[in-house]
Protein backbone atom coordinates (compact mmCIF):
# COMPACT_ATOMS: atom_id res chain seq x y z
CA MET A 1 0.00 -0.11 0.03
CA MET A 2 1.23 3.51 -0.98
CA ILE A 3 1.80 5.90 1.91
CA PRO A 4 0.19 9.28 1.75
CA ILE A 5 2.44 12.06 0.21
CA GLY A 6 2.26 14.10 3.12
CA GLU A 7 3.79 11.20 5.27
CA LEU A 8 6.53 10.73 3.02
CA LEU A 9 7.41 14.21 2.66
CA ASN A 10 7.37 14.68 6.43
CA ARG A 11 9.62 11.69 6.64
CA ILE A 12 12.12 13.14 4.13
CA LEU A 13 11.97 16.38 6.14
CA TRP A 14 12.32 15.06 9.74
CA ASP A 15 13.89 11.64 9.47
CA ASP A 16 17.82 12.24 8.92
CA GLU A 17 18.60 8.55 8.41
CA PHE A 18 15.89 8.24 5.71
CA ALA A 19 16.54 11.63 4.08
CA GLN A 20 20.27 10.74 3.12
CA GLY A 21 20.51 11.06 -0.60
CA LYS A 22 19.30 13.33 -3.45
CA PHE A 23 15.68 13.72 -3.57
CA GLU A 24 13.46 15.01 -6.45
CA ILE A 25 9.80 15.59 -6.84
CA GLY A 26 7.76 15.25 -10.05
CA TYR A 27 4.52 17.30 -10.20
CA TYR A 28 2.12 17.44 -12.95
CA ASP A 29 2.24 20.92 -14.67
CA SER A 30 -1.17 21.68 -16.28
CA ALA A 31 0.19 24.46 -18.38
CA GLU A 32 3.01 22.42 -19.89
CA ASN A 33 0.83 19.05 -19.76
CA GLN A 34 3.81 17.24 -18.53
CA ILE A 35 5.58 16.17 -15.21
CA VAL A 36 8.08 18.39 -14.00
CA ARG A 37 11.04 17.33 -11.83
CA VAL A 38 12.56 19.59 -9.21
CA ALA A 39 15.07 19.03 -6.56
CA PHE A 40 13.93 18.85 -3.12
CA ALA A 41 16.31 21.79 -2.03
CA ASP A 42 14.22 23.79 -4.45
CA VAL A 43 10.91 22.82 -2.64
CA ASP A 44 9.70 24.93 0.45
CA PHE A 45 7.03 23.60 2.94
CA ASP A 46 5.21 26.54 4.79
CA SER A 47 3.74 25.36 7.80
CA GLU A 48 1.02 27.67 7.42
CA VAL A 49 0.02 26.52 3.96
CA THR A 50 -0.73 22.87 4.46
CA GLU A 51 -1.15 20.59 1.52
CA PHE A 52 0.83 22.73 -1.02
CA ILE A 53 4.50 22.84 -1.69
CA SER A 54 6.17 26.08 -2.84
CA VAL A 55 8.66 25.48 -6.07
CA ASN A 56 11.07 28.00 -7.00
CA ASP A 57 10.86 28.13 -10.83
CA SER A 58 13.73 28.86 -13.33
CA ASP A 59 12.44 32.42 -13.69
CA GLY A 60 13.01 33.27 -10.06
CA GLY A 61 9.13 33.04 -9.57
CA VAL A 62 7.54 30.71 -6.79
CA LEU A 63 4.59 28.12 -7.79
CA LEU A 64 2.24 26.95 -5.17
CA VAL A 65 1.69 23.04 -5.99
CA PRO A 66 -1.10 21.15 -4.32
CA TRP A 67 -0.09 17.86 -3.00
CA HIS A 68 -2.68 16.04 -5.36
CA ARG A 69 -0.51 17.14 -8.29
CA ILE A 70 2.81 15.36 -7.06
CA ARG A 71 3.08 12.45 -8.89
CA ASP A 72 6.35 10.95 -8.31
CA VAL A 73 9.39 11.13 -5.58
CA TYR A 74 12.77 10.09 -6.43
CA ARG A 75 15.70 9.31 -4.07
CA ASN A 76 19.15 9.24 -6.10
CA GLY A 77 17.36 8.88 -9.24
CA GLU A 78 15.29 6.15 -8.51
CA ARG A 79 11.54 6.34 -8.17
CA ILE A 80 10.29 5.51 -4.65
CA TRP A 81 6.98 6.84 -4.64
CA HIS A 82 4.28 7.23 -7.43
CA ARG A 83 0.64 8.17 -8.04
CA GLU A 84 -1.41 7.52 -11.15
CA HIS A 85 -2.78 10.71 -13.15
């Protein structure tokens, strides 16, 4: 059974042993109609805005991405979590 994305994100944030490695998040970008992969380091988790992540885009802007648009999580290039479209 797949764990909820919120639990996985919290584990990456707070479990130092599990968080070893390079993490990426793949989210569905409806404007581009594709999955966009971003480094976990480029994602911000605002404690006041739950169920959204803030992603720093290449133009210096910030995108709010709802958790339901997160499709994949990668650790060291290997997909460890996936949600169907």
